[in-house]
Each structure stands twice: as structure tokens, then as C-alpha cells.
Amino acid sequence: MKTRIKRALRPVSLRARLLIMLLAATSVVWSIAAWWSYHDARHEAEELLDAQLAQSARLLLAQARNKPIEESDDEFRALDSPDKSGLHPYEQKLQFRIFNADGDILLSSSSPPPLLTPGASGYFELAEGKTGWRVLVTGDTESRLQVEVAQSLSIRDELARYIALRMAMPLLVALPLLGVLIYLLVGRALRPLVGLADTVSIRTVSNLSPLQTDNLPHEVLPLVQSLNTLLGRLGRAIDSERRFTADAAHELRTPLAAIQMQAQVALASAADDSRRHALGQVVAGTQRATRLMEQLLRLARLDPLVGLTDAQPIDLNTLASQVVGDLPASAGSGRVDWQPGDPALVQGDAGLLAVALRNLLDNALRYAPEGSPVHLAIRRDANALCLEVSDNGPGVPEAELANLTERFYRGRKVTQDGSGLGLAIVRRIAELHGATLKLENQPPSGLRAALCWPATGR
């Protein structure tokens, strides 16, 4: 029972939905058209039969006016002959009466309808038991004759239905044919979607190339473009995971080997001073490995992002004050020269921008001479709004400036410990915020690092 319910609740295919909706709509419209055609044809048939009554009445009046009735009884009674051989299928036997000016019946058919009120004129419907009649009463002022011509309602209705059904039948017969054509055309129209589904179903993780958009309907293009965007994101995410795995395996090998070696030295050393020194190196190595892992994990989280999902207005002055205030004294927070100014608003993520500024300050504090200040400022001009960190350290050779934001690049004359990931993280955060990381040497010595937003982006 549950299996049957699940099968009934399965999503209906697009082909089935289109067929059901198109066939339902076509059936409704076709039925309305058939109904309309039937009733219109029946009405026209009724009008034609009424016209036949009028024509028969005129013929009777013409014959009665031109020939005395007693001399032509047989000619009149021929209209009421039971022999119908040779008549047209649509021609019906008529009942009639002919009156003179005094209302006397001059001639009558074999089974006329009930008499009408004297002086009546026009079309009437009469009932005699279960038999109904359509009667036309008309007269001739010149001969002062009056004629009643009648047709059985049952015969008229049967004939009208027959004519109407013959006219509406092509519509009803064509409906199944139209359903078959709709089925074939829907299948042909959905063929590109079937091909697209087959192409997607055979894709593997190793094949994330964009889907072809040739010969696809315009309605499907947004879906395929979204799929291509998703495949691109998935490819970047997989590449990021692979890069993270490779980077972690490569970069952690050295500090872990150093920790292991120092731990072995501590175990093998009998002297307290040697053991204490080795354990201190183990702690330092563990701290370096921890920092490296934090940086790698941060990069792994930033790489797949294509933008900020919840950007908020941020005052760079407030952000800088918070970051400087959070720096520990051991990191040299007292050396940061910072004076808040007028509000400088940008759109972004306060947490990520704090990480970027903290990395810039950490680099400046470690590479600047001991005790020398590090300057933090917000600079405005007509083209940009920049958050700058500058020091008076040794600077960087001009040939190496462009490589500083590459992962694990630390330059050839590096004197401080580090992982080479700090500026790579800052650059990625800048990209997510629509900003640019600018690095330049400043005279006479030192390095200036700035996060700059275009003036139009403020």
C-alpha cells in the first residue's frame, strides 16, 4: 500500500504535465466549439424548416388562388401522400388546411393539427396528446384565403439533431487526431531537454566543463547558464580543497618534523637546561603549526566565496579602533600610531575586514625595527578611499612586490617567522569587498600596504 502511495506521489514529468494541460485545455475549447457548433447548426436547421413551411404555404396559396379547389383536390392531396419514395431525405410530409374568408375549411390533409383561434397569424407550437406541431398560419388578401401548414415537432427535432450532429461530428472526430499530434510535437519540442538530461547524468567530478548551449531553446538557456555557474563554483571548490590538502601536507611537514625532533631531543637529554630548551622549541613549533593551520583554514573558507551574502555599512574608523584595541601588548599594540577621523563608510563584512587589517598590522609590527612606530591612517582623494598601514622597516625589493600576495611566498631576505599566507588572505578579502590591495615601498625605507575602495563604491 505504501509503495502504491509513493508511486502516486512521484513528481510528474514535464512531458506528462504538458500533455495533460494541453489536452485538457484543447478538450475544453474543442468541446465548447462542438457544443456551440451543434446548437448553432440546430438553430439554423430550425430556421430552414420554418422557411420550408413558409415556402409550402405560399405554394398552397398560389395553387388555391389560381384553380378552384374542388377541381384540384387530387393535386392538393398529393402533398399529404404517404408514398415518400423519391423524396429528399430532408423533405418532410406536411399537414395543412385551407380556409375561406368566412373561416370554413375548404380542404384539409389527413391528419391536421388542432384548430387555431380564428384570425391567428404567424408561427405557433401546438400540442395534441404526446404529439407536438410547428404551425404557420398565413393568408392572401386578394383571394381572401388562409392556409395552415404544420410539421410534427418530433420529426423536426430529429431532423435538426441529425443535421447538427453531422456538422459537429468532424470536430469530435478530429480531437483524438489532435491529441496524437500534440503528443508527437511535445516530444519533439522536449528532445533538447532529454539530451541535456543525458549529458548531465553522465558527468563525473573529473568533468566539470561548461554544458553546451547550442541549439537549446531560449527558455532553457537560463537553466543551463545557472548549471554552468554551479559547475564553475563546484570546480573552484574542488580545486580549493585539493590545493588546501596539498598546501597543508607540504607546509606542515617542516614544523611537524621540527616538533618531533625537538621532542626526541628532550627525551634524550639528561640536562635540565637542554630539556627545557627543547621543550620550549616544541611549544614554539606547535604555535607556528597552529598559526599555519588557522591561516590555511581561513583561506579554505574564503576561496569558494564569490561575494558577500550580507554586506553591511562599516565605518573604517570604528573598525580600526577595535582592531588596534584588541591587539595584545606583547604584539606591540602601543607602537601603532592611529588617530580616528571623520566617518569613512564602506559596504562589507566587519569580521573579514578585521582579519585583513590585523594581518597588515601584524606584518608591519614584525618587520619594523624594534620600538619604531607603525602608522595606521585613512586617506581620501577623488578616486579612492584607502585604509593604509605603513612602517619604516627594510621594505621589499621592487622585483618581489608583485609576488608578496602569492601563497607561501616570503621573499629571499626574510628575517621573521611566518607562513607566507597573511597577504594572500588580505588580497582575497579585498577581492570579496570590491577593493584592491596595494603594496609599495616608501622612501627612505619601509613598506606601505593599503586597502583601497573606488570612490564610486563608497
Protein backbone atom coordinates (compact mmCIF):
# COMPACT_ATOMS: atom_id res chain seq x y z
CA MET A 1 0.00 0.00 0.00
CA LYS A 2 2.81 2.43 0.92
CA THR A 3 4.59 1.62 -2.33
CA ARG A 4 1.47 2.48 -4.32
CA ILE A 5 1.09 5.78 -2.46
CA LYS A 6 4.73 6.66 -3.11
CA ARG A 7 4.31 5.88 -6.78
CA ALA A 8 1.22 8.07 -6.92
CA LEU A 9 3.10 10.93 -5.26
CA ARG A 10 6.07 10.79 -7.60
CA PRO A 11 6.68 14.06 -9.47
CA VAL A 12 5.01 14.11 -12.87
CA SER A 13 7.39 14.54 -15.80
CA LEU A 14 7.40 17.75 -17.79
CA ARG A 15 6.19 15.84 -20.85
CA ALA A 16 3.23 14.43 -18.90
CA ARG A 17 2.40 17.86 -17.45
CA LEU A 18 2.44 19.49 -20.86
CA LEU A 19 0.35 16.71 -22.39
CA ILE A 20 -2.19 16.79 -19.58
CA MET A 21 -2.52 20.59 -19.63
CA LEU A 22 -2.59 20.89 -23.43
CA LEU A 23 -5.02 18.01 -23.90
CA ALA A 24 -7.25 19.29 -21.10
CA ALA A 25 -7.27 22.83 -22.48
CA THR A 26 -7.80 21.57 -26.04
CA SER A 27 -10.61 19.26 -24.94
CA VAL A 28 -12.38 22.06 -23.10
CA VAL A 29 -12.06 24.51 -26.00
CA TRP A 30 -12.93 21.80 -28.54
CA SER A 31 -15.98 20.73 -26.50
CA ILE A 32 -17.18 24.32 -26.25
CA ALA A 33 -16.67 24.74 -30.00
CA ALA A 34 -18.53 21.47 -30.70
CA TRP A 35 -21.37 22.46 -28.38
CA TRP A 36 -21.58 25.88 -29.99
CA SER A 37 -21.50 24.37 -33.48
CA TYR A 38 -24.18 21.85 -32.56
CA HIS A 39 -26.57 24.42 -31.17
CA ASP A 40 -25.86 26.92 -33.93
CA ALA A 41 -26.40 24.24 -36.58
CA ARG A 42 -29.62 23.13 -34.87
CA HIS A 43 -30.87 26.70 -34.78
CA GLU A 44 -30.09 27.13 -38.48
CA ALA A 45 -31.84 23.83 -39.24
CA GLU A 46 -34.92 25.07 -37.37
CA GLU A 47 -34.80 28.26 -39.41
CA LEU A 48 -34.56 26.28 -42.65
CA LEU A 49 -37.53 24.13 -41.65
CA ASP A 50 -39.54 27.25 -40.84
CA ALA A 51 -38.57 28.59 -44.24
CA GLN A 52 -39.80 25.32 -45.75
CA LEU A 53 -43.15 25.84 -44.01
CA ALA A 54 -43.38 29.38 -45.42
CA GLN A 55 -42.49 28.18 -48.91
CA SER A 56 -45.08 25.38 -48.77
CA ALA A 57 -47.72 27.83 -47.54
CA ARG A 58 -47.04 30.19 -50.46
CA LEU A 59 -47.26 27.33 -52.94
CA LEU A 60 -50.62 26.22 -51.49
CA LEU A 61 -51.97 29.76 -51.63
CA ALA A 62 -50.77 30.17 -55.20
CA GLN A 63 -52.46 26.95 -56.30
CA ALA A 64 -55.67 27.72 -54.41
CA ARG A 65 -55.83 31.23 -55.87
CA ASN A 66 -55.33 30.09 -59.49
CA LYS A 67 -57.51 26.95 -59.51
CA PRO A 68 -60.78 26.16 -57.80
CA ILE A 69 -60.13 23.73 -55.02
CA GLU A 70 -62.88 21.32 -55.97
CA GLU A 71 -61.26 20.84 -59.38
CA SER A 72 -57.81 20.08 -57.98
CA ASP A 73 -58.37 18.05 -54.87
CA ASP A 74 -56.00 15.36 -56.04
CA GLU A 75 -53.26 17.87 -56.72
CA PHE A 76 -53.54 19.30 -53.21
CA ARG A 77 -53.81 15.93 -51.55
CA ALA A 78 -50.57 14.86 -53.26
CA LEU A 79 -48.76 16.90 -50.59
CA ASP A 80 -50.13 14.51 -47.99
CA SER A 81 -49.30 11.32 -49.88
CA PRO A 82 -47.89 8.53 -47.70
CA ASP A 83 -45.62 7.45 -50.54
CA LYS A 84 -42.27 9.05 -49.85
CA SER A 85 -40.22 7.22 -52.43
CA GLY A 86 -38.17 9.65 -54.41
CA LEU A 87 -38.37 12.43 -51.76
CA HIS A 88 -35.18 14.07 -50.49
CA PRO A 89 -34.17 12.73 -47.04
CA TYR A 90 -34.61 16.19 -45.56
CA GLU A 91 -38.03 16.75 -47.09
CA GLN A 92 -40.84 16.16 -44.63
CA LYS A 93 -44.60 15.37 -45.07
CA LEU A 94 -46.72 18.43 -44.32
CA GLN A 95 -50.18 18.74 -42.77
CA PHE A 96 -52.35 21.64 -43.92
CA ARG A 97 -55.77 23.31 -44.02
CA ILE A 98 -57.16 25.90 -46.38
CA PHE A 99 -59.88 28.31 -45.15
CA ASN A 100 -62.07 30.78 -46.96
CA ALA A 101 -62.86 34.29 -45.75
CA ASP A 102 -65.67 33.03 -43.52
CA GLY A 103 -63.38 30.56 -41.73
CA ASP A 104 -64.80 27.48 -43.40
CA ILE A 105 -62.36 24.68 -44.15
CA LEU A 106 -62.14 24.25 -47.86
CA LEU A 107 -59.53 21.50 -47.82
CA SER A 108 -57.55 19.60 -45.18
CA SER A 109 -54.83 16.99 -45.08
CA SER A 110 -55.41 13.60 -43.49
CA SER A 111 -54.02 14.35 -40.01
CA PRO A 112 -54.03 18.12 -39.42
CA PRO A 113 -53.11 19.64 -36.04
CA PRO A 114 -55.76 21.14 -33.70
CA LEU A 115 -57.58 24.22 -34.98
CA LEU A 116 -56.14 27.58 -34.01
CA THR A 117 -58.11 30.61 -32.87
CA PRO A 118 -59.72 32.34 -35.85
CA GLY A 119 -57.70 35.32 -37.03
CA ALA A 120 -54.36 33.94 -35.74
CA SER A 121 -51.31 34.60 -37.87
CA GLY A 122 -47.63 33.61 -37.74
CA TYR A 123 -45.75 30.67 -36.26
CA PHE A 124 -47.14 28.62 -33.35
CA GLU A 125 -46.35 25.45 -31.46
CA LEU A 126 -49.27 23.22 -30.53
CA ALA A 127 -49.59 20.03 -28.54
CA GLU A 128 -52.13 17.24 -29.11
CA GLY A 129 -51.57 14.48 -26.57
CA LYS A 130 -47.95 13.42 -26.99
CA THR A 131 -47.71 14.93 -30.43
CA GLY A 132 -46.36 18.43 -30.93
CA TRP A 133 -46.73 20.62 -34.01
CA ARG A 134 -45.00 23.61 -35.53
CA VAL A 135 -47.67 25.58 -37.35
CA LEU A 136 -47.53 28.52 -39.75
CA VAL A 137 -50.71 30.47 -40.42
CA THR A 138 -50.74 32.90 -43.34
CA GLY A 139 -53.26 34.31 -45.78
CA ASP A 140 -53.79 36.00 -49.11
CA THR A 141 -55.70 39.31 -49.07
CA GLU A 142 -56.53 39.18 -52.78
CA SER A 143 -58.23 35.77 -52.73
CA ARG A 144 -59.19 36.08 -49.04
CA LEU A 145 -57.86 32.58 -48.42
CA GLN A 146 -55.96 31.44 -45.32
CA VAL A 147 -53.55 28.48 -45.01
CA GLU A 148 -52.35 26.49 -42.01
CA VAL A 149 -49.20 24.44 -42.68
CA ALA A 150 -47.84 22.18 -39.93
CA GLN A 151 -44.89 19.87 -39.26
CA SER A 152 -44.50 17.37 -36.46
CA LEU A 153 -42.13 18.68 -33.77
CA SER A 154 -40.63 15.24 -33.21
CA ILE A 155 -39.79 14.94 -36.88
CA ARG A 156 -38.38 18.48 -36.94
CA ASP A 157 -36.26 17.84 -33.82
CA GLU A 158 -34.94 14.59 -35.20
CA LEU A 159 -34.00 16.21 -38.47
CA ALA A 160 -32.43 19.25 -36.73
CA ARG A 161 -30.39 16.97 -34.43
CA TYR A 162 -29.26 14.91 -37.38
CA ILE A 163 -28.09 17.96 -39.31
CA ALA A 164 -26.41 19.49 -36.22
CA LEU A 165 -24.59 16.25 -35.35
CA ARG A 166 -23.38 15.89 -38.91
CA MET A 167 -21.91 19.39 -38.70
CA ALA A 168 -20.37 18.93 -35.21
CA MET A 169 -19.06 15.40 -35.79
CA PRO A 170 -15.85 16.49 -37.61
CA LEU A 171 -14.85 18.46 -34.52
CA LEU A 172 -15.33 15.44 -32.25
CA VAL A 173 -13.55 13.07 -34.65
CA ALA A 174 -10.60 15.46 -35.03
CA LEU A 175 -9.97 15.66 -31.26
CA PRO A 176 -8.14 12.29 -30.94
CA LEU A 177 -6.06 13.15 -34.01
CA LEU A 178 -5.17 16.48 -32.44
CA GLY A 179 -4.17 14.66 -29.22
CA VAL A 180 -1.77 12.43 -31.17
CA LEU A 181 -0.26 15.45 -32.92
CA ILE A 182 0.17 17.25 -29.56
CA TYR A 183 1.89 14.17 -28.12
CA LEU A 184 4.34 13.98 -31.04
CA LEU A 185 5.04 17.72 -31.09
CA VAL A 186 5.60 17.91 -27.32
CA GLY A 187 8.04 15.01 -27.55
CA ARG A 188 9.91 16.73 -30.36
CA ALA A 189 9.97 20.06 -28.50
CA LEU A 190 11.36 18.39 -25.35
CA ARG A 191 14.07 16.50 -27.21
CA PRO A 192 16.76 19.11 -26.35
CA LEU A 193 15.86 18.78 -22.65
CA VAL A 194 16.16 15.00 -22.84
CA GLY A 195 19.58 15.37 -24.46
CA LEU A 196 20.60 17.88 -21.80
CA ALA A 197 19.49 15.50 -19.04
CA ASP A 198 21.50 12.68 -20.60
CA THR A 199 24.56 14.92 -20.82
CA VAL A 200 24.30 15.95 -17.16
CA SER A 201 23.65 12.39 -15.96
CA ILE A 202 26.94 11.06 -17.36
CA ARG A 203 29.03 13.89 -15.94
CA THR A 204 31.56 12.99 -13.25
CA VAL A 205 33.56 15.02 -10.75
CA SER A 206 36.51 14.91 -13.12
CA ASN A 207 34.46 16.55 -15.89
CA LEU A 208 33.08 19.89 -14.76
CA SER A 209 33.40 21.70 -18.08
CA PRO A 210 30.51 24.01 -19.06
CA LEU A 211 27.50 22.50 -20.80
CA GLN A 212 27.00 23.36 -24.45
CA THR A 213 24.26 25.90 -25.13
CA ASP A 214 23.99 25.38 -28.89
CA ASN A 215 20.56 24.50 -30.30
CA LEU A 216 18.86 24.91 -26.93
CA PRO A 217 15.52 26.76 -26.62
CA HIS A 218 15.71 30.26 -25.20
CA GLU A 219 13.59 29.20 -22.21
CA VAL A 220 16.22 26.62 -21.22
CA LEU A 221 19.25 28.90 -21.55
CA PRO A 222 18.90 30.49 -18.06
CA LEU A 223 18.82 27.00 -16.51
CA VAL A 224 21.90 25.86 -18.45
CA GLN A 225 23.73 29.07 -17.62
CA SER A 226 22.91 28.57 -13.94
CA LEU A 227 24.15 24.98 -14.17
CA ASN A 228 27.38 26.19 -15.78
CA THR A 229 27.81 28.72 -12.99
CA LEU A 230 27.22 25.97 -10.44
CA LEU A 231 29.71 23.69 -12.20
CA GLY A 232 32.25 26.51 -12.12
CA ARG A 233 31.72 27.02 -8.40
CA LEU A 234 31.95 23.30 -7.77
CA GLY A 235 35.16 23.14 -9.77
CA ARG A 236 36.66 26.01 -7.81
CA ALA A 237 35.58 24.40 -4.54
CA ILE A 238 37.18 21.09 -5.50
CA ASP A 239 40.34 22.88 -6.65
CA SER A 240 40.39 24.75 -3.36
CA GLU A 241 40.10 21.52 -1.39
CA ARG A 242 42.87 19.93 -3.42
CA ARG A 243 45.06 23.00 -3.00
CA PHE A 244 44.35 23.08 0.72
CA THR A 245 45.25 19.41 1.05
CA ALA A 246 48.45 19.86 -0.93
CA ASP A 247 49.42 23.06 0.89
CA ALA A 248 48.71 21.60 4.31
CA ALA A 249 50.67 18.43 3.53
CA HIS A 250 53.60 20.44 2.22
CA GLU A 251 53.74 23.23 4.77
CA LEU A 252 53.01 21.18 7.88
CA ARG A 253 55.72 18.67 7.08
CA THR A 254 58.53 21.00 8.21
CA PRO A 255 57.09 22.27 11.55
CA LEU A 256 55.86 18.81 12.50
CA ALA A 257 59.25 17.32 11.73
CA ALA A 258 60.89 20.06 13.85
CA ILE A 259 58.47 19.40 16.73
CA GLN A 260 59.20 15.68 16.55
CA MET A 261 62.94 16.30 16.50
CA GLN A 262 62.81 18.67 19.49
CA ALA A 263 60.61 16.22 21.39
CA GLN A 264 63.16 13.47 20.76
CA VAL A 265 65.96 15.78 21.94
CA ALA A 266 64.02 16.49 25.12
CA LEU A 267 63.53 12.79 25.74
CA ALA A 268 67.18 12.01 25.13
CA SER A 269 68.58 14.97 27.08
CA ALA A 270 69.66 14.37 30.67
CA ALA A 271 70.42 18.02 31.46
CA ASP A 272 67.53 20.17 32.65
CA ASP A 273 68.62 23.18 30.61
CA SER A 274 68.81 21.18 27.39
CA ARG A 275 65.48 19.53 28.07
CA ARG A 276 63.86 22.86 28.92
CA HIS A 277 65.23 24.45 25.74
CA ALA A 278 63.99 21.53 23.62
CA LEU A 279 60.53 21.71 25.17
CA GLY A 280 60.45 25.46 24.52
CA GLN A 281 61.20 24.76 20.88
CA VAL A 282 58.38 22.20 20.86
CA VAL A 283 55.96 24.85 22.16
CA ALA A 284 57.18 27.41 19.62
CA GLY A 285 56.87 24.89 16.80
CA THR A 286 53.38 23.98 17.94
CA GLN A 287 52.39 27.65 17.94
CA ARG A 288 53.75 28.09 14.41
CA ALA A 289 51.89 24.98 13.22
CA THR A 290 48.69 26.23 14.89
CA ARG A 291 49.01 29.62 13.22
CA LEU A 292 49.68 27.96 9.88
CA MET A 293 46.59 25.77 10.22
CA GLU A 294 44.47 28.79 11.14
CA GLN A 295 45.67 30.62 8.05
CA LEU A 296 45.11 27.59 5.81
CA LEU A 297 41.60 27.05 7.17
CA ARG A 298 40.76 30.72 6.70
CA LEU A 299 41.91 30.58 3.09
CA ALA A 300 39.95 27.37 2.54
CA ARG A 301 36.79 29.16 3.73
CA LEU A 302 37.43 32.25 1.61
CA ASP A 303 38.33 30.55 -1.66
CA PRO A 304 34.87 29.20 -2.60
CA LEU A 305 33.12 32.51 -1.93
CA VAL A 306 32.01 34.53 -4.95
CA GLY A 307 30.80 37.53 -2.97
CA LEU A 308 29.45 38.74 0.34
CA THR A 309 25.98 37.49 1.21
CA ASP A 310 25.25 40.02 3.95
CA ALA A 311 27.24 43.20 3.37
CA GLN A 312 26.62 45.97 5.89
CA PRO A 313 27.76 49.61 6.14
CA ILE A 314 31.04 49.71 8.08
CA ASP A 315 32.86 52.75 9.42
CA LEU A 316 36.58 52.14 8.86
CA ASN A 317 37.42 54.42 11.80
CA THR A 318 35.38 52.27 14.18
CA LEU A 319 36.81 49.08 12.70
CA ALA A 320 40.42 50.31 13.01
CA SER A 321 39.89 51.41 16.63
CA GLN A 322 38.50 48.00 17.55
CA VAL A 323 41.34 46.09 15.87
CA VAL A 324 44.04 48.28 17.48
CA GLY A 325 42.32 47.97 20.85
CA ASP A 326 42.22 44.17 20.56
CA LEU A 327 45.96 43.84 19.83
CA PRO A 328 47.79 42.35 22.82
CA ALA A 329 50.58 44.36 24.43
CA SER A 330 53.02 41.59 23.56
CA ALA A 331 52.30 42.20 19.86
CA GLY A 332 53.35 45.83 20.16
CA SER A 333 49.93 47.49 20.22
CA GLY A 334 51.48 50.58 21.84
CA ARG A 335 53.57 51.20 18.71
CA VAL A 336 50.53 51.71 16.46
CA ASP A 337 50.08 55.38 15.58
CA TRP A 338 46.35 55.81 14.98
CA GLN A 339 44.03 58.80 15.21
CA PRO A 340 40.32 58.33 14.24
CA GLY A 341 38.88 60.88 11.84
CA ASP A 342 35.59 61.57 10.08
CA PRO A 343 33.36 58.58 9.32
CA ALA A 344 34.50 56.57 6.31
CA LEU A 345 31.79 54.13 5.27
CA VAL A 346 32.20 51.07 3.06
CA GLN A 347 29.97 48.06 2.42
CA GLY A 348 31.36 44.79 3.69
CA ASP A 349 31.82 42.16 6.37
CA ALA A 350 33.29 43.62 9.56
CA GLY A 351 34.78 40.29 10.66
CA LEU A 352 36.67 39.72 7.41
CA LEU A 353 37.92 43.30 7.23
CA ALA A 354 39.15 43.00 10.83
CA VAL A 355 41.13 39.88 9.84
CA ALA A 356 42.67 41.73 6.88
CA LEU A 357 43.67 44.78 8.96
CA ARG A 358 45.03 42.56 11.75
CA ASN A 359 47.27 40.74 9.24
CA LEU A 360 48.56 44.03 7.82
CA LEU A 361 49.34 45.36 11.31
CA ASP A 362 50.98 42.07 12.31
CA ASN A 363 53.29 42.18 9.27
CA ALA A 364 54.21 45.82 9.89
CA LEU A 365 54.90 45.27 13.61
CA ARG A 366 57.12 42.25 12.97
CA TYR A 367 59.21 43.75 10.17
CA ALA A 368 59.58 47.30 11.54
CA PRO A 369 62.64 47.99 13.73
CA GLU A 370 62.13 47.33 17.44
CA GLY A 371 60.41 50.26 19.12
CA SER A 372 59.64 52.12 15.87
CA PRO A 373 56.05 53.20 15.24
CA VAL A 374 53.63 51.71 12.74
CA HIS A 375 51.28 54.22 11.13
CA LEU A 376 47.60 53.47 10.53
CA ALA A 377 45.54 56.03 8.60
CA ILE A 378 42.53 56.54 6.35
CA ARG A 379 43.28 58.51 3.20
CA ARG A 380 40.71 60.02 0.86
CA ASP A 381 41.08 61.50 -2.59
CA ALA A 382 38.93 61.98 -5.66
CA ASN A 383 39.49 58.42 -6.85
CA ALA A 384 39.68 56.19 -3.80
CA LEU A 385 39.18 55.65 -0.09
CA CYS A 386 42.17 53.78 1.40
CA LEU A 387 42.91 52.16 4.74
CA GLU A 388 46.74 52.31 4.99
CA VAL A 389 49.31 50.62 7.20
CA SER A 390 52.93 51.77 6.81
CA ASP A 391 56.22 51.07 8.61
CA ASN A 392 59.84 52.17 8.35
CA GLY A 393 61.28 48.67 8.04
CA PRO A 394 63.67 47.46 5.32
CA GLY A 395 60.98 47.29 2.67
CA VAL A 396 60.86 44.74 -0.13
CA PRO A 397 62.88 44.58 -3.37
CA GLU A 398 60.80 46.00 -6.21
CA ALA A 399 61.06 42.76 -8.17
CA GLU A 400 59.39 40.88 -5.32
CA LEU A 401 56.48 43.25 -4.59
CA ALA A 402 54.17 41.59 -7.10
CA ASN A 403 54.84 38.15 -5.57
CA LEU A 404 54.10 39.04 -1.95
CA THR A 405 50.41 38.14 -2.25
CA GLU A 406 51.15 34.66 -3.59
CA ARG A 407 50.62 31.81 -1.17
CA PHE A 408 53.67 30.75 0.85
CA TYR A 409 55.88 33.34 -0.83
CA ARG A 410 58.10 35.02 1.75
CA GLY A 411 60.89 36.62 -0.24
CA ARG A 412 64.58 35.93 -0.27
CA LYS A 413 65.66 38.20 2.62
CA VAL A 414 63.03 37.34 5.22
CA THR A 415 64.22 37.59 8.80
CA GLN A 416 60.92 36.88 10.63
CA ASP A 417 58.95 33.70 11.10
CA GLY A 418 55.73 33.31 9.13
CA SER A 419 53.74 31.15 6.77
CA GLY A 420 53.54 33.42 3.74
CA LEU A 421 49.74 33.36 3.81
CA GLY A 422 48.88 36.64 5.55
CA LEU A 423 48.93 38.89 2.47
CA ALA A 424 47.26 36.19 0.36
CA ILE A 425 44.36 36.27 2.83
CA VAL A 426 44.24 40.08 2.73
CA ARG A 427 44.13 40.07 -1.08
CA ARG A 428 41.26 37.54 -1.10
CA ILE A 429 39.28 39.58 1.42
CA ALA A 430 39.88 42.70 -0.67
CA GLU A 431 38.55 40.91 -3.78
CA LEU A 432 35.38 39.92 -1.94
CA HIS A 433 34.83 43.56 -0.93
CA GLY A 434 35.48 45.03 -4.36
CA ALA A 435 38.68 46.63 -3.06
CA THR A 436 42.31 46.45 -4.11
CA LEU A 437 45.40 45.59 -2.04
CA LYS A 438 48.23 47.97 -2.94
CA LEU A 439 51.81 47.33 -1.79
CA GLU A 440 54.61 49.85 -2.35
CA ASN A 441 57.92 50.86 -0.87
CA GLN A 442 58.11 54.31 0.69
CA PRO A 443 61.22 56.47 0.97
CA PRO A 444 63.59 56.38 2.63
CA SER A 445 62.64 52.91 3.87
CA GLY A 446 59.59 50.95 4.78
CA LEU A 447 56.52 49.39 3.18
CA ARG A 448 53.04 50.83 2.70
CA ALA A 449 50.08 48.40 2.42
CA ALA A 450 46.67 49.85 1.59
CA LEU A 451 43.15 48.52 1.11
CA CYS A 452 41.55 50.88 -1.41
CA TRP A 453 37.90 51.18 -2.48
CA PRO A 454 36.97 53.11 -5.65
CA ALA A 455 35.33 56.43 -4.95
CA THR A 456 32.18 55.31 -6.77
CA GLY A 457 31.86 52.26 -4.46
CA ARG A 458 31.54 54.22 -1.22
